[in-house]
Amino acid sequence: MTSTAETIEPTGTPEPTAAPQQQKPQFILYLHGPEHERALRSLTLWVRHLLIPVYGRETTSAAPWCSRWWEHQEAVAQLYGLWMAWQELTDPGAGLTGPAVWHRDYLTHVMAALRDPSGPFAGCKPGAHRAKEAPHTDAYDG
């Protein structure tokens, strides 16, 4: 169903016009330049002011966390997906079970993957970021 807006023509008669289509957000890995910076800034605010204060359990060698998580592309991708799901499932239109679905289907899995001892933060310690080197892949010659 397309929503419509009204415009008043010079004759004073309302004319229905199509409302502009709302553009869906692109995944952060597809963004560049200022768009990427805006998306990362919004994500950083959500992680810092909601996710970590509520769900950021203590950092240990068995559950590492990097205070510079935005320097780990896997973490950015995982957290952005988690944030997108949060926005959708905590929206009033999501229904009463939306937050429970977010916890069950998204939060637990993403946090376990990120905080796994062999995950993207392996080697990072509180206050000490350690960059990771991606594994080598050969070119496809097919």
N, C-alpha and C. Protein backbone atom coordinates (compact mmCIF):
# COMPACT_ATOMS: atom_id res chain seq x y z
N MET A 1 0.85 -1.17 0.00
CA MET A 1 0.00 0.00 0.00
C MET A 1 0.89 1.23 0.00
N THR A 2 0.68 2.14 -0.90
CA THR A 2 1.48 3.35 -1.01
C THR A 2 0.80 4.47 -0.25
N SER A 3 1.58 5.16 0.61
CA SER A 3 1.00 6.28 1.32
C SER A 3 0.99 7.48 0.39
N THR A 4 0.05 8.38 0.63
CA THR A 4 -0.03 9.56 -0.22
C THR A 4 -0.01 10.80 0.64
N ALA A 5 0.42 11.87 0.05
CA ALA A 5 0.37 13.18 0.67
C ALA A 5 -0.51 14.04 -0.21
N GLU A 6 -0.98 15.16 0.31
CA GLU A 6 -1.81 16.04 -0.49
C GLU A 6 -1.04 17.31 -0.80
N THR A 7 -1.20 17.79 -2.00
CA THR A 7 -0.70 19.11 -2.37
C THR A 7 -1.87 19.93 -2.85
N ILE A 8 -1.83 21.19 -2.59
CA ILE A 8 -2.92 22.07 -3.02
C ILE A 8 -2.53 22.66 -4.37
N GLU A 9 -3.35 22.40 -5.36
CA GLU A 9 -3.14 22.96 -6.70
C GLU A 9 -3.62 24.41 -6.70
N PRO A 10 -3.18 25.20 -7.67
CA PRO A 10 -3.62 26.60 -7.73
C PRO A 10 -5.14 26.75 -7.70
N THR A 11 -5.87 25.73 -8.11
CA THR A 11 -7.33 25.82 -8.10
C THR A 11 -7.89 25.64 -6.70
N GLY A 12 -7.03 25.25 -5.74
CA GLY A 12 -7.49 25.01 -4.38
C GLY A 12 -7.94 23.58 -4.14
N THR A 13 -7.86 22.73 -5.17
CA THR A 13 -8.29 21.34 -5.05
C THR A 13 -7.11 20.47 -4.62
N PRO A 14 -7.28 19.68 -3.56
CA PRO A 14 -6.19 18.79 -3.15
C PRO A 14 -5.92 17.74 -4.22
N GLU A 15 -4.67 17.53 -4.56
CA GLU A 15 -4.23 16.50 -5.51
C GLU A 15 -3.38 15.50 -4.75
N PRO A 16 -3.72 14.22 -4.76
CA PRO A 16 -2.85 13.25 -4.09
C PRO A 16 -1.54 13.10 -4.86
N THR A 17 -0.45 13.04 -4.11
CA THR A 17 0.86 12.78 -4.70
C THR A 17 1.50 11.65 -3.92
N ALA A 18 2.33 10.90 -4.59
CA ALA A 18 3.00 9.79 -3.92
C ALA A 18 4.02 10.33 -2.93
N ALA A 19 4.03 9.77 -1.74
CA ALA A 19 5.02 10.15 -0.73
C ALA A 19 6.38 9.60 -1.16
N PRO A 20 7.45 10.33 -0.86
CA PRO A 20 8.77 9.83 -1.24
C PRO A 20 9.07 8.51 -0.54
N GLN A 21 9.68 7.60 -1.28
CA GLN A 21 10.05 6.30 -0.72
C GLN A 21 11.18 6.50 0.28
N GLN A 22 11.03 5.91 1.45
CA GLN A 22 12.07 5.99 2.45
C GLN A 22 13.16 4.99 2.09
N GLN A 23 14.40 5.47 1.99
CA GLN A 23 15.50 4.61 1.60
C GLN A 23 15.92 3.77 2.79
N LYS A 24 16.10 2.47 2.57
CA LYS A 24 16.54 1.58 3.62
C LYS A 24 18.04 1.77 3.84
N PRO A 25 18.48 1.65 5.09
CA PRO A 25 19.91 1.85 5.33
C PRO A 25 20.75 0.74 4.70
N GLN A 26 21.90 1.12 4.19
CA GLN A 26 22.82 0.15 3.63
C GLN A 26 23.68 -0.41 4.75
N PHE A 27 24.15 -1.63 4.56
CA PHE A 27 25.05 -2.25 5.52
C PHE A 27 26.36 -1.48 5.53
N ILE A 28 26.95 -1.31 6.68
CA ILE A 28 28.11 -0.44 6.87
C ILE A 28 29.31 -0.82 5.99
N LEU A 29 29.48 -2.08 5.67
CA LEU A 29 30.62 -2.47 4.84
C LEU A 29 30.50 -1.97 3.41
N TYR A 30 29.32 -1.53 3.00
CA TYR A 30 29.11 -1.00 1.66
C TYR A 30 29.19 0.52 1.61
N LEU A 31 29.38 1.15 2.75
CA LEU A 31 29.43 2.61 2.82
C LEU A 31 30.86 3.10 2.76
N HIS A 32 31.03 4.32 2.24
CA HIS A 32 32.35 4.93 2.13
C HIS A 32 32.25 6.40 2.50
N GLY A 33 33.37 7.00 2.83
CA GLY A 33 33.45 8.43 3.08
C GLY A 33 32.53 8.88 4.20
N PRO A 34 31.89 10.04 4.00
CA PRO A 34 31.04 10.61 5.05
C PRO A 34 29.89 9.70 5.49
N GLU A 35 29.33 8.93 4.55
CA GLU A 35 28.24 8.01 4.92
C GLU A 35 28.75 6.96 5.91
N HIS A 36 29.94 6.42 5.63
CA HIS A 36 30.53 5.43 6.53
C HIS A 36 30.82 6.05 7.89
N GLU A 37 31.36 7.25 7.90
CA GLU A 37 31.68 7.93 9.15
C GLU A 37 30.42 8.19 9.99
N ARG A 38 29.33 8.60 9.34
CA ARG A 38 28.07 8.83 10.06
C ARG A 38 27.54 7.53 10.65
N ALA A 39 27.58 6.46 9.85
CA ALA A 39 27.08 5.16 10.34
C ALA A 39 27.94 4.67 11.50
N LEU A 40 29.25 4.80 11.38
CA LEU A 40 30.14 4.34 12.45
C LEU A 40 29.94 5.18 13.70
N ARG A 41 29.73 6.47 13.54
CA ARG A 41 29.49 7.34 14.70
C ARG A 41 28.21 6.94 15.41
N SER A 42 27.15 6.69 14.67
CA SER A 42 25.89 6.26 15.28
C SER A 42 26.06 4.92 15.98
N LEU A 43 26.74 4.00 15.33
CA LEU A 43 26.99 2.69 15.94
C LEU A 43 27.80 2.84 17.22
N THR A 44 28.83 3.67 17.18
CA THR A 44 29.68 3.88 18.35
C THR A 44 28.88 4.41 19.53
N LEU A 45 27.98 5.34 19.26
CA LEU A 45 27.13 5.87 20.34
C LEU A 45 26.26 4.78 20.95
N TRP A 46 25.68 3.94 20.11
CA TRP A 46 24.83 2.85 20.60
C TRP A 46 25.64 1.85 21.41
N VAL A 47 26.82 1.47 20.90
CA VAL A 47 27.66 0.50 21.63
C VAL A 47 28.09 1.08 22.97
N ARG A 48 28.52 2.34 22.96
CA ARG A 48 29.06 2.95 24.18
C ARG A 48 27.99 3.25 25.22
N HIS A 49 26.81 3.68 24.78
CA HIS A 49 25.81 4.13 25.73
C HIS A 49 24.69 3.14 26.03
N LEU A 50 24.58 2.08 25.24
CA LEU A 50 23.55 1.09 25.52
C LEU A 50 24.12 -0.32 25.62
N LEU A 51 24.74 -0.78 24.55
CA LEU A 51 25.16 -2.18 24.51
C LEU A 51 26.13 -2.53 25.64
N ILE A 52 27.23 -1.83 25.74
CA ILE A 52 28.24 -2.18 26.74
C ILE A 52 27.77 -1.92 28.17
N PRO A 53 27.14 -0.80 28.48
CA PRO A 53 26.67 -0.63 29.86
C PRO A 53 25.67 -1.71 30.30
N VAL A 54 24.85 -2.19 29.37
CA VAL A 54 23.83 -3.18 29.75
C VAL A 54 24.34 -4.62 29.58
N TYR A 55 25.06 -4.90 28.49
CA TYR A 55 25.41 -6.28 28.15
C TYR A 55 26.91 -6.58 28.17
N GLY A 56 27.74 -5.60 28.48
CA GLY A 56 29.19 -5.79 28.43
C GLY A 56 29.73 -6.39 29.70
N ARG A 57 29.71 -7.68 29.78
CA ARG A 57 30.22 -8.35 30.97
C ARG A 57 31.72 -8.10 31.13
N GLU A 58 32.24 -8.46 32.28
CA GLU A 58 33.64 -8.22 32.60
C GLU A 58 34.57 -8.81 31.54
N THR A 59 35.63 -8.08 31.27
CA THR A 59 36.63 -8.54 30.31
C THR A 59 37.60 -9.48 31.02
N THR A 60 37.76 -10.66 30.43
CA THR A 60 38.71 -11.65 30.95
C THR A 60 39.43 -12.26 29.75
N SER A 61 40.42 -13.12 30.03
CA SER A 61 41.09 -13.80 28.91
C SER A 61 40.13 -14.75 28.22
N ALA A 62 39.10 -15.22 28.93
CA ALA A 62 38.11 -16.10 28.34
C ALA A 62 37.00 -15.33 27.62
N ALA A 63 36.92 -14.03 27.86
CA ALA A 63 35.91 -13.18 27.22
C ALA A 63 36.53 -11.82 26.94
N PRO A 64 37.42 -11.75 25.95
CA PRO A 64 38.11 -10.48 25.68
C PRO A 64 37.18 -9.43 25.07
N TRP A 65 37.58 -8.19 25.19
CA TRP A 65 36.91 -7.06 24.57
C TRP A 65 37.99 -6.06 24.21
N CYS A 66 37.82 -5.36 23.12
CA CYS A 66 38.78 -4.34 22.72
C CYS A 66 38.11 -2.98 22.82
N SER A 67 38.73 -2.07 23.57
CA SER A 67 38.16 -0.74 23.72
C SER A 67 38.20 0.03 22.39
N ARG A 68 38.97 -0.45 21.44
CA ARG A 68 39.04 0.14 20.10
C ARG A 68 38.40 -0.83 19.10
N TRP A 69 37.24 -1.34 19.45
CA TRP A 69 36.56 -2.36 18.66
C TRP A 69 36.34 -1.91 17.22
N TRP A 70 36.19 -0.63 16.96
CA TRP A 70 35.94 -0.12 15.60
C TRP A 70 37.13 -0.33 14.68
N GLU A 71 38.29 -0.72 15.22
CA GLU A 71 39.45 -1.03 14.39
C GLU A 71 39.47 -2.50 13.95
N HIS A 72 38.49 -3.25 14.34
CA HIS A 72 38.32 -4.65 13.95
C HIS A 72 37.12 -4.73 13.02
N GLN A 73 37.36 -4.93 11.73
CA GLN A 73 36.26 -4.92 10.75
C GLN A 73 35.20 -5.98 11.06
N GLU A 74 35.61 -7.14 11.56
CA GLU A 74 34.61 -8.16 11.91
C GLU A 74 33.69 -7.64 13.01
N ALA A 75 34.26 -6.97 14.00
CA ALA A 75 33.45 -6.42 15.09
C ALA A 75 32.49 -5.36 14.56
N VAL A 76 32.97 -4.49 13.69
CA VAL A 76 32.11 -3.45 13.11
C VAL A 76 30.94 -4.11 12.38
N ALA A 77 31.23 -5.10 11.56
CA ALA A 77 30.17 -5.76 10.79
C ALA A 77 29.17 -6.46 11.72
N GLN A 78 29.68 -7.20 12.69
CA GLN A 78 28.79 -7.93 13.62
C GLN A 78 27.95 -6.96 14.45
N LEU A 79 28.59 -5.93 14.99
CA LEU A 79 27.86 -4.98 15.84
C LEU A 79 26.87 -4.14 15.04
N TYR A 80 27.21 -3.81 13.81
CA TYR A 80 26.27 -3.06 12.98
C TYR A 80 25.03 -3.89 12.68
N GLY A 81 25.23 -5.16 12.36
CA GLY A 81 24.08 -6.05 12.16
C GLY A 81 23.24 -6.16 13.41
N LEU A 82 23.89 -6.27 14.56
CA LEU A 82 23.19 -6.35 15.84
C LEU A 82 22.39 -5.08 16.09
N TRP A 83 23.00 -3.93 15.77
CA TRP A 83 22.33 -2.65 15.96
C TRP A 83 21.14 -2.50 15.01
N MET A 84 21.30 -2.93 13.77
CA MET A 84 20.18 -2.86 12.82
C MET A 84 19.01 -3.71 13.31
N ALA A 85 19.31 -4.90 13.81
CA ALA A 85 18.26 -5.77 14.36
C ALA A 85 17.62 -5.12 15.58
N TRP A 86 18.44 -4.48 16.43
CA TRP A 86 17.92 -3.76 17.60
C TRP A 86 16.91 -2.70 17.19
N GLN A 87 17.27 -1.91 16.18
CA GLN A 87 16.39 -0.84 15.73
C GLN A 87 15.06 -1.40 15.24
N GLU A 88 15.12 -2.48 14.50
CA GLU A 88 13.90 -3.06 13.97
C GLU A 88 13.06 -3.73 15.04
N LEU A 89 13.71 -4.47 15.93
CA LEU A 89 12.96 -5.29 16.89
C LEU A 89 12.58 -4.57 18.17
N THR A 90 13.11 -3.36 18.39
CA THR A 90 12.67 -2.59 19.56
C THR A 90 11.77 -1.43 19.14
N ASP A 91 11.51 -1.32 17.86
CA ASP A 91 10.57 -0.32 17.35
C ASP A 91 9.18 -0.66 17.89
N PRO A 92 8.37 0.34 18.25
CA PRO A 92 7.03 0.04 18.76
C PRO A 92 6.21 -0.85 17.82
N GLY A 93 6.45 -0.77 16.51
CA GLY A 93 5.71 -1.59 15.57
C GLY A 93 6.14 -3.04 15.56
N ALA A 94 7.21 -3.37 16.26
CA ALA A 94 7.72 -4.75 16.26
C ALA A 94 6.88 -5.68 17.12
N GLY A 95 6.05 -5.14 17.94
CA GLY A 95 5.25 -5.97 18.83
C GLY A 95 5.94 -6.20 20.16
N LEU A 96 5.22 -6.78 21.06
CA LEU A 96 5.73 -6.95 22.42
C LEU A 96 6.86 -7.95 22.53
N THR A 97 6.95 -8.89 21.61
CA THR A 97 8.00 -9.90 21.72
C THR A 97 9.28 -9.52 20.97
N GLY A 98 9.29 -8.37 20.30
CA GLY A 98 10.46 -7.95 19.56
C GLY A 98 11.76 -7.97 20.36
N PRO A 99 11.79 -7.35 21.55
CA PRO A 99 13.02 -7.38 22.33
C PRO A 99 13.46 -8.81 22.73
N ALA A 100 12.51 -9.67 23.04
CA ALA A 100 12.87 -11.05 23.39
C ALA A 100 13.47 -11.76 22.18
N VAL A 101 12.94 -11.51 21.01
CA VAL A 101 13.48 -12.09 19.78
C VAL A 101 14.89 -11.58 19.55
N TRP A 102 15.13 -10.30 19.77
CA TRP A 102 16.47 -9.72 19.61
C TRP A 102 17.47 -10.39 20.55
N HIS A 103 17.07 -10.56 21.80
CA HIS A 103 17.97 -11.23 22.75
C HIS A 103 18.26 -12.66 22.32
N ARG A 104 17.22 -13.39 21.97
CA ARG A 104 17.37 -14.81 21.64
C ARG A 104 18.11 -15.03 20.33
N ASP A 105 17.74 -14.30 19.30
CA ASP A 105 18.25 -14.59 17.95
C ASP A 105 19.50 -13.81 17.57
N TYR A 106 19.80 -12.72 18.24
CA TYR A 106 20.90 -11.87 17.80
C TYR A 106 21.95 -11.63 18.88
N LEU A 107 21.56 -11.07 20.01
CA LEU A 107 22.51 -10.65 21.03
C LEU A 107 23.44 -11.78 21.50
N THR A 108 22.87 -12.88 21.91
CA THR A 108 23.66 -13.96 22.47
C THR A 108 24.70 -14.47 21.49
N HIS A 109 24.31 -14.70 20.26
CA HIS A 109 25.23 -15.22 19.26
C HIS A 109 26.34 -14.23 18.93
N VAL A 110 25.99 -12.97 18.70
CA VAL A 110 26.99 -11.97 18.32
C VAL A 110 27.99 -11.74 19.45
N MET A 111 27.51 -11.58 20.66
CA MET A 111 28.44 -11.33 21.77
C MET A 111 29.33 -12.55 22.03
N ALA A 112 28.80 -13.74 21.88
CA ALA A 112 29.63 -14.94 22.06
C ALA A 112 30.71 -15.01 20.99
N ALA A 113 30.37 -14.67 19.75
CA ALA A 113 31.35 -14.71 18.66
C ALA A 113 32.43 -13.65 18.86
N LEU A 114 32.02 -12.44 19.23
CA LEU A 114 32.99 -11.37 19.42
C LEU A 114 33.90 -11.61 20.62
N ARG A 115 33.34 -12.16 21.69
CA ARG A 115 34.09 -12.30 22.93
C ARG A 115 34.74 -13.67 23.08
N ASP A 116 34.67 -14.47 22.05
CA ASP A 116 35.34 -15.77 22.06
C ASP A 116 36.84 -15.55 22.18
N PRO A 117 37.55 -16.37 22.95
CA PRO A 117 39.00 -16.20 23.09
C PRO A 117 39.77 -16.25 21.77
N SER A 118 39.21 -16.88 20.76
CA SER A 118 39.88 -16.91 19.46
C SER A 118 39.18 -15.99 18.45
N GLY A 119 38.29 -15.12 18.94
CA GLY A 119 37.55 -14.19 18.09
C GLY A 119 38.37 -12.97 17.71
N PRO A 120 37.71 -11.95 17.21
CA PRO A 120 38.43 -10.77 16.69
C PRO A 120 39.23 -10.01 17.75
N PHE A 121 38.89 -10.18 19.03
CA PHE A 121 39.61 -9.46 20.07
C PHE A 121 40.70 -10.30 20.74
N ALA A 122 40.98 -11.47 20.19
CA ALA A 122 42.05 -12.31 20.74
C ALA A 122 43.34 -11.49 20.75
N GLY A 123 44.01 -11.46 21.85
CA GLY A 123 45.26 -10.70 21.95
C GLY A 123 45.07 -9.29 22.44
N CYS A 124 43.85 -8.76 22.37
CA CYS A 124 43.59 -7.42 22.91
C CYS A 124 43.39 -7.56 24.42
N LYS A 125 43.88 -6.58 25.13
CA LYS A 125 43.71 -6.55 26.58
C LYS A 125 43.17 -5.18 26.96
N PRO A 126 42.59 -5.03 28.14
CA PRO A 126 42.07 -3.71 28.51
C PRO A 126 43.13 -2.63 28.30
N GLY A 127 42.77 -1.64 27.50
CA GLY A 127 43.66 -0.54 27.20
C GLY A 127 44.74 -0.84 26.18
N ALA A 128 44.74 -2.04 25.60
CA ALA A 128 45.79 -2.41 24.64
C ALA A 128 45.17 -3.12 23.43
N HIS A 129 45.01 -2.38 22.35
CA HIS A 129 44.49 -2.93 21.09
C HIS A 129 45.63 -3.64 20.36
N ARG A 130 45.33 -4.77 19.76
CA ARG A 130 46.31 -5.48 18.94
C ARG A 130 45.67 -5.75 17.59
N ALA A 131 46.26 -5.17 16.54
CA ALA A 131 45.74 -5.37 15.19
C ALA A 131 45.90 -6.83 14.78
N LYS A 132 44.97 -7.29 13.99
CA LYS A 132 45.01 -8.68 13.50
C LYS A 132 45.41 -8.71 12.04
N GLU A 133 46.07 -9.75 11.68
CA GLU A 133 46.43 -9.95 10.27
C GLU A 133 45.48 -10.99 9.70
N ALA A 134 44.83 -10.64 8.60
CA ALA A 134 43.90 -11.58 7.97
C ALA A 134 44.67 -12.74 7.36
N PRO A 135 44.08 -13.92 7.35
CA PRO A 135 44.76 -15.05 6.72
C PRO A 135 44.97 -14.81 5.22
N HIS A 136 45.99 -15.40 4.67
CA HIS A 136 46.28 -15.26 3.25
C HIS A 136 45.32 -16.11 2.43
N THR A 137 44.90 -15.59 1.29
CA THR A 137 44.10 -16.36 0.34
C THR A 137 44.75 -16.27 -1.02
N ASP A 138 44.76 -17.36 -1.71
CA ASP A 138 45.31 -17.38 -3.07
C ASP A 138 44.28 -16.86 -4.04
N ALA A 139 44.74 -16.34 -5.15
CA ALA A 139 43.84 -15.88 -6.19
C ALA A 139 43.23 -17.09 -6.93
N TYR A 140 42.02 -16.93 -7.34
CA TYR A 140 41.35 -17.98 -8.11
C TYR A 140 41.82 -17.87 -9.55
N ASP A 141 42.34 -18.99 -10.09
CA ASP A 141 42.87 -19.00 -11.44
C ASP A 141 41.98 -19.76 -12.40
N GLY A 142 40.74 -19.95 -12.07
CA GLY A 142 39.86 -20.80 -12.85
C GLY A 142 39.38 -20.19 -14.06
